[in-house]
Amino acid sequence: MTVTVKNRTPLVVPSAVRRRAGFKNGDKLEFTVAGGVVTILSKQDCDDTLTAGEERIVRRGEAQLKRGESKPWRAVKHALVR
């Protein structure tokens, strides 16, 4: 399938291509470019890079551990189930 890139208009991925790739509304996509080739990966296929929010949570947990404020796994697991 071929599309034409136009000045001042976003590049649109045709719906047939999105369906075949399994992209759905709300999916997060990562674009990479290497050697003139553009690769589009869904977030679940991307590397394990943390979002800014996830990084804050991890840093907060690290700080709590350094202060000796750890919790038993049972309490953590119970909080996650909610």
PDB file of N, CA and C in Angstrom:
ATOM      1  N   MET A   1       0.850  -1.168   0.000  1.00  0.00           N
ATOM      2  CA  MET A   1       0.000   0.000   0.000  1.00  0.00           C
ATOM      3  C   MET A   1       0.897   1.233   0.000  1.00  0.00           C
ATOM      4  N   THR A   2       0.535   2.216  -0.741  1.00  0.00           N
ATOM      5  CA  THR A   2       1.313   3.442  -0.860  1.00  0.00           C
ATOM      6  C   THR A   2       0.470   4.632  -0.440  1.00  0.00           C
ATOM      7  N   VAL A   3       1.061   5.538   0.344  1.00  0.00           N
ATOM      8  CA  VAL A   3       0.401   6.788   0.694  1.00  0.00           C
ATOM      9  C   VAL A   3       1.324   7.932   0.296  1.00  0.00           C
ATOM     10  N   THR A   4       0.755   9.106   0.116  1.00  0.00           N
ATOM     11  CA  THR A   4       1.538  10.270  -0.283  1.00  0.00           C
ATOM     12  C   THR A   4       1.714  11.189   0.921  1.00  0.00           C
ATOM     13  N   VAL A   5       2.958  11.573   1.197  1.00  0.00           N
ATOM     14  CA  VAL A   5       3.250  12.513   2.272  1.00  0.00           C
ATOM     15  C   VAL A   5       3.000  13.908   1.725  1.00  0.00           C
ATOM     16  N   LYS A   6       2.203  14.685   2.456  1.00  0.00           N
ATOM     17  CA  LYS A   6       1.868  16.040   2.020  1.00  0.00           C
ATOM     18  C   LYS A   6       2.413  17.040   3.031  1.00  0.00           C
ATOM     19  N   ASN A   7       2.687  18.237   2.540  1.00  0.00           N
ATOM     20  CA  ASN A   7       3.200  19.300   3.385  1.00  0.00           C
ATOM     21  C   ASN A   7       2.169  19.706   4.441  1.00  0.00           C
ATOM     22  N   ARG A   8       2.623  19.854   5.691  1.00  0.00           N
ATOM     23  CA  ARG A   8       1.797  20.310   6.823  1.00  0.00           C
ATOM     24  C   ARG A   8       0.597  19.423   7.144  1.00  0.00           C
ATOM     25  N   THR A   9       0.653  18.181   6.788  1.00  0.00           N
ATOM     26  CA  THR A   9      -0.401  17.245   7.178  1.00  0.00           C
ATOM     27  C   THR A   9       0.252  16.064   7.873  1.00  0.00           C
ATOM     28  N   PRO A  10      -0.375  15.544   8.929  1.00  0.00           N
ATOM     29  CA  PRO A  10       0.218  14.385   9.614  1.00  0.00           C
ATOM     30  C   PRO A  10       0.261  13.173   8.684  1.00  0.00           C
ATOM     31  N   LEU A  11       1.237  12.363   8.900  1.00  0.00           N
ATOM     32  CA  LEU A  11       1.326  11.110   8.162  1.00  0.00           C
ATOM     33  C   LEU A  11       0.279  10.168   8.752  1.00  0.00           C
ATOM     34  N   VAL A  12      -0.534   9.572   7.917  1.00  0.00           N
ATOM     35  CA  VAL A  12      -1.631   8.723   8.380  1.00  0.00           C
ATOM     36  C   VAL A  12      -1.325   7.268   8.032  1.00  0.00           C
ATOM     37  N   VAL A  13      -1.464   6.399   9.030  1.00  0.00           N
ATOM     38  CA  VAL A  13      -1.314   4.962   8.789  1.00  0.00           C
ATOM     39  C   VAL A  13      -2.693   4.447   8.372  1.00  0.00           C
ATOM     40  N   PRO A  14      -2.814   3.886   7.184  1.00  0.00           N
ATOM     41  CA  PRO A  14      -4.120   3.423   6.714  1.00  0.00           C
ATOM     42  C   PRO A  14      -4.747   2.400   7.673  1.00  0.00           C
ATOM     43  N   SER A  15      -6.067   2.431   7.765  1.00  0.00           N
ATOM     44  CA  SER A  15      -6.774   1.552   8.698  1.00  0.00           C
ATOM     45  C   SER A  15      -6.493   0.076   8.415  1.00  0.00           C
ATOM     46  N   ALA A  16      -6.330  -0.308   7.159  1.00  0.00           N
ATOM     47  CA  ALA A  16      -6.029  -1.714   6.843  1.00  0.00           C
ATOM     48  C   ALA A  16      -4.684  -2.127   7.440  1.00  0.00           C
ATOM     49  N   VAL A  17      -3.711  -1.215   7.415  1.00  0.00           N
ATOM     50  CA  VAL A  17      -2.393  -1.505   7.992  1.00  0.00           C
ATOM     51  C   VAL A  17      -2.499  -1.584   9.510  1.00  0.00           C
ATOM     52  N   ARG A  18      -3.252  -0.653  10.130  1.00  0.00           N
ATOM     53  CA  ARG A  18      -3.433  -0.692  11.588  1.00  0.00           C
ATOM     54  C   ARG A  18      -4.092  -1.992  12.018  1.00  0.00           C
ATOM     55  N   ARG A  19      -5.099  -2.437  11.268  1.00  0.00           N
ATOM     56  CA  ARG A  19      -5.776  -3.703  11.612  1.00  0.00           C
ATOM     57  C   ARG A  19      -4.808  -4.872  11.535  1.00  0.00           C
ATOM     58  N   ARG A  20      -4.036  -4.954  10.442  1.00  0.00           N
ATOM     59  CA  ARG A  20      -3.089  -6.067  10.270  1.00  0.00           C
ATOM     60  C   ARG A  20      -2.010  -6.061  11.341  1.00  0.00           C
ATOM     61  N   ALA A  21      -1.620  -4.853  11.798  1.00  0.00           N
ATOM     62  CA  ALA A  21      -0.600  -4.743  12.841  1.00  0.00           C
ATOM     63  C   ALA A  21      -1.189  -4.981  14.226  1.00  0.00           C
ATOM     64  N   GLY A  22      -2.518  -4.951  14.333  1.00  0.00           N
ATOM     65  CA  GLY A  22      -3.158  -5.173  15.628  1.00  0.00           C
ATOM     66  C   GLY A  22      -3.213  -3.925  16.489  1.00  0.00           C
ATOM     67  N   PHE A  23      -3.002  -2.737  15.898  1.00  0.00           N
ATOM     68  CA  PHE A  23      -3.067  -1.492  16.650  1.00  0.00           C
ATOM     69  C   PHE A  23      -4.524  -1.146  16.919  1.00  0.00           C
ATOM     70  N   LYS A  24      -4.798  -0.735  18.160  1.00  0.00           N
ATOM     71  CA  LYS A  24      -6.160  -0.367  18.548  1.00  0.00           C
ATOM     72  C   LYS A  24      -6.154   1.050  19.101  1.00  0.00           C
ATOM     73  N   ASN A  25      -7.325   1.676  19.153  1.00  0.00           N
ATOM     74  CA  ASN A  25      -7.436   3.014  19.740  1.00  0.00           C
ATOM     75  C   ASN A  25      -6.869   2.998  21.150  1.00  0.00           C
ATOM     76  N   GLY A  26      -6.070   4.005  21.468  1.00  0.00           N
ATOM     77  CA  GLY A  26      -5.496   4.115  22.805  1.00  0.00           C
ATOM     78  C   GLY A  26      -4.147   3.445  22.955  1.00  0.00           C
ATOM     79  N   ASP A  27      -3.724   2.625  21.977  1.00  0.00           N
ATOM     80  CA  ASP A  27      -2.413   1.981  22.056  1.00  0.00           C
ATOM     81  C   ASP A  27      -1.312   3.039  22.022  1.00  0.00           C
ATOM     82  N   LYS A  28      -0.242   2.774  22.736  1.00  0.00           N
ATOM     83  CA  LYS A  28       0.932   3.634  22.688  1.00  0.00           C
ATOM     84  C   LYS A  28       1.921   3.003  21.724  1.00  0.00           C
ATOM     85  N   LEU A  29       2.474   3.819  20.838  1.00  0.00           N
ATOM     86  CA  LEU A  29       3.380   3.325  19.807  1.00  0.00           C
ATOM     87  C   LEU A  29       4.739   4.000  19.933  1.00  0.00           C
ATOM     88  N   GLU A  30       5.790   3.247  19.618  1.00  0.00           N
ATOM     89  CA  GLU A  30       7.146   3.796  19.601  1.00  0.00           C
ATOM     90  C   GLU A  30       7.643   3.779  18.166  1.00  0.00           C
ATOM     91  N   PHE A  31       8.156   4.918  17.712  1.00  0.00           N
ATOM     92  CA  PHE A  31       8.706   5.049  16.367  1.00  0.00           C
ATOM     93  C   PHE A  31      10.227   5.086  16.468  1.00  0.00           C
ATOM     94  N   THR A  32      10.904   4.284  15.667  1.00  0.00           N
ATOM     95  CA  THR A  32      12.359   4.348  15.569  1.00  0.00           C
ATOM     96  C   THR A  32      12.729   4.457  14.094  1.00  0.00           C
ATOM     97  N   VAL A  33      13.850   5.120  13.839  1.00  0.00           N
ATOM     98  CA  VAL A  33      14.322   5.291  12.463  1.00  0.00           C
ATOM     99  C   VAL A  33      15.779   4.868  12.415  1.00  0.00           C
ATOM    100  N   ALA A  34      16.106   3.986  11.492  1.00  0.00           N
ATOM    101  CA  ALA A  34      17.489   3.545  11.312  1.00  0.00           C
ATOM    102  C   ALA A  34      17.696   3.230   9.831  1.00  0.00           C
ATOM    103  N   GLY A  35      18.686   3.840   9.248  1.00  0.00           N
ATOM    104  CA  GLY A  35      19.001   3.564   7.850  1.00  0.00           C
ATOM    105  C   GLY A  35      17.859   3.839   6.897  1.00  0.00           C
ATOM    106  N   GLY A  36      17.058   4.864   7.187  1.00  0.00           N
ATOM    107  CA  GLY A  36      15.950   5.208   6.304  1.00  0.00           C
ATOM    108  C   GLY A  36      14.723   4.332   6.475  1.00  0.00           C
ATOM    109  N   VAL A  37      14.738   3.424   7.458  1.00  0.00           N
ATOM    110  CA  VAL A  37      13.601   2.536   7.709  1.00  0.00           C
ATOM    111  C   VAL A  37      12.913   2.971   9.002  1.00  0.00           C
ATOM    112  N   VAL A  38      11.608   3.190   8.926  1.00  0.00           N
ATOM    113  CA  VAL A  38      10.826   3.553  10.101  1.00  0.00           C
ATOM    114  C   VAL A  38      10.180   2.289  10.650  1.00  0.00           C
ATOM    115  N   THR A  39      10.378   2.048  11.943  1.00  0.00           N
ATOM    116  CA  THR A  39       9.773   0.890  12.606  1.00  0.00           C
ATOM    117  C   THR A  39       8.785   1.405  13.644  1.00  0.00           C
ATOM    118  N   ILE A  40       7.598   0.830  13.659  1.00  0.00           N
ATOM    119  CA  ILE A  40       6.569   1.214  14.626  1.00  0.00           C
ATOM    120  C   ILE A  40       6.277  -0.014  15.488  1.00  0.00           C
ATOM    121  N   LEU A  41       6.488   0.132  16.796  1.00  0.00           N
ATOM    122  CA  LEU A  41       6.230  -0.967  17.726  1.00  0.00           C
ATOM    123  C   LEU A  41       5.186  -0.544  18.740  1.00  0.00           C
ATOM    124  N   SER A  42       4.287  -1.460  19.092  1.00  0.00           N
ATOM    125  CA  SER A  42       3.342  -1.156  20.156  1.00  0.00           C
ATOM    126  C   SER A  42       4.100  -1.181  21.477  1.00  0.00           C
ATOM    127  N   LYS A  43       3.580  -0.485  22.477  1.00  0.00           N
ATOM    128  CA  LYS A  43       4.267  -0.337  23.768  1.00  0.00           C
ATOM    129  C   LYS A  43       4.642  -1.685  24.359  1.00  0.00           C
ATOM    130  N   GLN A  44       3.775  -2.672  24.266  1.00  0.00           N
ATOM    131  CA  GLN A  44       4.086  -3.962  24.872  1.00  0.00           C
ATOM    132  C   GLN A  44       5.248  -4.656  24.167  1.00  0.00           C
ATOM    133  N   ASP A  45       5.562  -4.259  22.929  1.00  0.00           N
ATOM    134  CA  ASP A  45       6.689  -4.828  22.203  1.00  0.00           C
ATOM    135  C   ASP A  45       7.978  -4.049  22.412  1.00  0.00           C
ATOM    136  N   CYS A  46       7.879  -2.865  23.052  1.00  0.00           N
ATOM    137  CA  CYS A  46       9.049  -2.003  23.225  1.00  0.00           C
ATOM    138  C   CYS A  46       9.930  -2.533  24.344  1.00  0.00           C
ATOM    139  N   ASP A  47      11.080  -1.917  24.481  1.00  0.00           N
ATOM    140  CA  ASP A  47      11.981  -2.289  25.561  1.00  0.00           C
ATOM    141  C   ASP A  47      11.355  -1.933  26.905  1.00  0.00           C
ATOM    142  N   ASP A  48      12.054  -2.194  27.967  1.00  0.00           N
ATOM    143  CA  ASP A  48      11.516  -2.011  29.308  1.00  0.00           C
ATOM    144  C   ASP A  48      11.753  -0.607  29.858  1.00  0.00           C
ATOM    145  N   THR A  49      11.726   0.393  29.029  1.00  0.00           N
ATOM    146  CA  THR A  49      11.905   1.759  29.482  1.00  0.00           C
ATOM    147  C   THR A  49      10.703   2.182  30.315  1.00  0.00           C
ATOM    148  N   LEU A  50      10.970   2.804  31.463  1.00  0.00           N
ATOM    149  CA  LEU A  50       9.896   3.239  32.345  1.00  0.00           C
ATOM    150  C   LEU A  50       9.331   4.576  31.891  1.00  0.00           C
ATOM    151  N   THR A  51       8.034   4.751  32.103  1.00  0.00           N
ATOM    152  CA  THR A  51       7.439   6.065  31.885  1.00  0.00           C
ATOM    153  C   THR A  51       7.869   6.962  33.042  1.00  0.00           C
ATOM    154  N   ALA A  52       7.641   8.261  32.928  1.00  0.00           N
ATOM    155  CA  ALA A  52       8.013   9.187  33.999  1.00  0.00           C
ATOM    156  C   ALA A  52       7.292   8.822  35.300  1.00  0.00           C
ATOM    157  N   GLY A  53       6.021   8.463  35.203  1.00  0.00           N
ATOM    158  CA  GLY A  53       5.255   8.083  36.392  1.00  0.00           C
ATOM    159  C   GLY A  53       5.779   6.811  37.028  1.00  0.00           C
ATOM    160  N   GLU A  54       6.104   5.823  36.204  1.00  0.00           N
ATOM    161  CA  GLU A  54       6.654   4.565  36.724  1.00  0.00           C
ATOM    162  C   GLU A  54       8.009   4.797  37.390  1.00  0.00           C
ATOM    163  N   GLU A  55       8.810   5.683  36.791  1.00  0.00           N
ATOM    164  CA  GLU A  55      10.125   5.979  37.362  1.00  0.00           C
ATOM    165  C   GLU A  55       9.987   6.640  38.730  1.00  0.00           C
ATOM    166  N   ARG A  56       9.017   7.548  38.888  1.00  0.00           N
ATOM    167  CA  ARG A  56       8.782   8.177  40.196  1.00  0.00           C
ATOM    168  C   ARG A  56       8.418   7.143  41.249  1.00  0.00           C
ATOM    169  N   ILE A  57       7.572   6.173  40.876  1.00  0.00           N
ATOM    170  CA  ILE A  57       7.162   5.135  41.817  1.00  0.00           C
ATOM    171  C   ILE A  57       8.360   4.296  42.244  1.00  0.00           C
ATOM    172  N   VAL A  58       9.203   3.935  41.284  1.00  0.00           N
ATOM    173  CA  VAL A  58      10.388   3.135  41.597  1.00  0.00           C
ATOM    174  C   VAL A  58      11.331   3.917  42.504  1.00  0.00           C
ATOM    175  N   ARG A  59      11.579   5.193  42.181  1.00  0.00           N
ATOM    176  CA  ARG A  59      12.479   6.019  42.999  1.00  0.00           C
ATOM    177  C   ARG A  59      11.940   6.172  44.422  1.00  0.00           C
ATOM    178  N   ARG A  60      10.621   6.359  44.541  1.00  0.00           N
ATOM    179  CA  ARG A  60      10.013   6.474  45.869  1.00  0.00           C
ATOM    180  C   ARG A  60      10.215   5.183  46.653  1.00  0.00           C
ATOM    181  N   GLY A  61      10.038   4.042  45.996  1.00  0.00           N
ATOM    182  CA  GLY A  61      10.249   2.757  46.661  1.00  0.00           C
ATOM    183  C   GLY A  61      11.692   2.550  47.084  1.00  0.00           C
ATOM    184  N   GLU A  62      12.627   2.958  46.219  1.00  0.00           N
ATOM    185  CA  GLU A  62      14.043   2.852  46.580  1.00  0.00           C
ATOM    186  C   GLU A  62      14.363   3.698  47.808  1.00  0.00           C
ATOM    187  N   ALA A  63      13.815   4.914  47.845  1.00  0.00           N
ATOM    188  CA  ALA A  63      14.056   5.801  48.988  1.00  0.00           C
ATOM    189  C   ALA A  63      13.481   5.194  50.272  1.00  0.00           C
ATOM    190  N   GLN A  64      12.294   4.594  50.171  1.00  0.00           N
ATOM    191  CA  GLN A  64      11.692   3.957  51.355  1.00  0.00           C
ATOM    192  C   GLN A  64      12.555   2.803  51.847  1.00  0.00           C
ATOM    193  N   LEU A  65      13.081   2.018  50.931  1.00  0.00           N
ATOM    194  CA  LEU A  65      13.954   0.909  51.327  1.00  0.00           C
ATOM    195  C   LEU A  65      15.215   1.410  52.028  1.00  0.00           C
ATOM    196  N   LYS A  66      15.803   2.489  51.497  1.00  0.00           N
ATOM    197  CA  LYS A  66      17.004   3.056  52.116  1.00  0.00           C
ATOM    198  C   LYS A  66      16.726   3.559  53.523  1.00  0.00           C
ATOM    199  N   ARG A  67      15.508   4.052  53.759  1.00  0.00           N
ATOM    200  CA  ARG A  67      15.126   4.538  55.096  1.00  0.00           C
ATOM    201  C   ARG A  67      14.674   3.392  55.998  1.00  0.00           C
ATOM    202  N   GLY A  68      14.654   2.169  55.479  1.00  0.00           N
ATOM    203  CA  GLY A  68      14.219   1.011  56.268  1.00  0.00           C
ATOM    204  C   GLY A  68      12.718   0.887  56.373  1.00  0.00           C
ATOM    205  N   GLU A  69      11.994   1.532  55.480  1.00  0.00           N
ATOM    206  CA  GLU A  69      10.532   1.507  55.514  1.00  0.00           C
ATOM    207  C   GLU A  69       9.977   0.450  54.555  1.00  0.00           C
ATOM    208  N   SER A  70      10.380  -0.774  54.735  1.00  0.00           N
ATOM    209  CA  SER A  70       9.894  -1.828  53.846  1.00  0.00           C
ATOM    210  C   SER A  70       8.619  -2.450  54.418  1.00  0.00           C
ATOM    211  N   LYS A  71       7.873  -3.126  53.542  1.00  0.00           N
ATOM    212  CA  LYS A  71       6.644  -3.802  53.948  1.00  0.00           C
ATOM    213  C   LYS A  71       6.762  -5.268  53.568  1.00  0.00           C
ATOM    214  N   PRO A  72       6.101  -6.151  54.319  1.00  0.00           N
ATOM    215  CA  PRO A  72       6.125  -7.564  53.936  1.00  0.00           C
ATOM    216  C   PRO A  72       5.371  -7.776  52.612  1.00  0.00           C
ATOM    217  N   TRP A  73       5.797  -8.766  51.848  1.00  0.00           N
ATOM    218  CA  TRP A  73       5.189  -9.044  50.546  1.00  0.00           C
ATOM    219  C   TRP A  73       3.686  -9.241  50.655  1.00  0.00           C
ATOM    220  N   ARG A  74       3.224  -9.866  51.714  1.00  0.00           N
ATOM    221  CA  ARG A  74       1.787 -10.118  51.892  1.00  0.00           C
ATOM    222  C   ARG A  74       1.004  -8.799  51.844  1.00  0.00           C
ATOM    223  N   ALA A  75       1.519  -7.751  52.483  1.00  0.00           N
ATOM    224  CA  ALA A  75       0.838  -6.457  52.496  1.00  0.00           C
ATOM    225  C   ALA A  75       0.860  -5.816  51.104  1.00  0.00           C
ATOM    226  N   VAL A  76       1.972  -5.943  50.427  1.00  0.00           N
ATOM    227  CA  VAL A  76       2.080  -5.387  49.069  1.00  0.00           C
ATOM    228  C   VAL A  76       1.129  -6.104  48.129  1.00  0.00           C
ATOM    229  N   LYS A  77       1.125  -7.426  48.201  1.00  0.00           N
ATOM    230  CA  LYS A  77       0.253  -8.228  47.340  1.00  0.00           C
ATOM    231  C   LYS A  77      -1.209  -7.887  47.580  1.00  0.00           C
ATOM    232  N   HIS A  78      -1.584  -7.708  48.851  1.00  0.00           N
ATOM    233  CA  HIS A  78      -2.954  -7.359  49.184  1.00  0.00           C
ATOM    234  C   HIS A  78      -3.335  -6.005  48.579  1.00  0.00           C
ATOM    235  N   ALA A  79      -2.418  -5.048  48.612  1.00  0.00           N
ATOM    236  CA  ALA A  79      -2.686  -3.718  48.043  1.00  0.00           C
ATOM    237  C   ALA A  79      -2.832  -3.787  46.532  1.00  0.00           C
ATOM    238  N   LEU A  80      -2.080  -4.673  45.876  1.00  0.00           N
ATOM    239  CA  LEU A  80      -2.158  -4.790  44.418  1.00  0.00           C
ATOM    240  C   LEU A  80      -3.463  -5.419  43.957  1.00  0.00           C
ATOM    241  N   VAL A  81      -4.029  -6.289  44.760  1.00  0.00           N
ATOM    242  CA  VAL A  81      -5.263  -6.995  44.379  1.00  0.00           C
ATOM    243  C   VAL A  81      -6.443  -6.044  44.342  1.00  0.00           C
ATOM    244  N   ARG A  82      -6.404  -4.998  45.148  1.00  0.00           N
ATOM    245  CA  ARG A  82      -7.537  -4.052  45.221  1.00  0.00           C
ATOM    246  C   ARG A  82      -7.830  -3.412  43.937  1.00  0.00           C
TER     247      ARG A  82
END
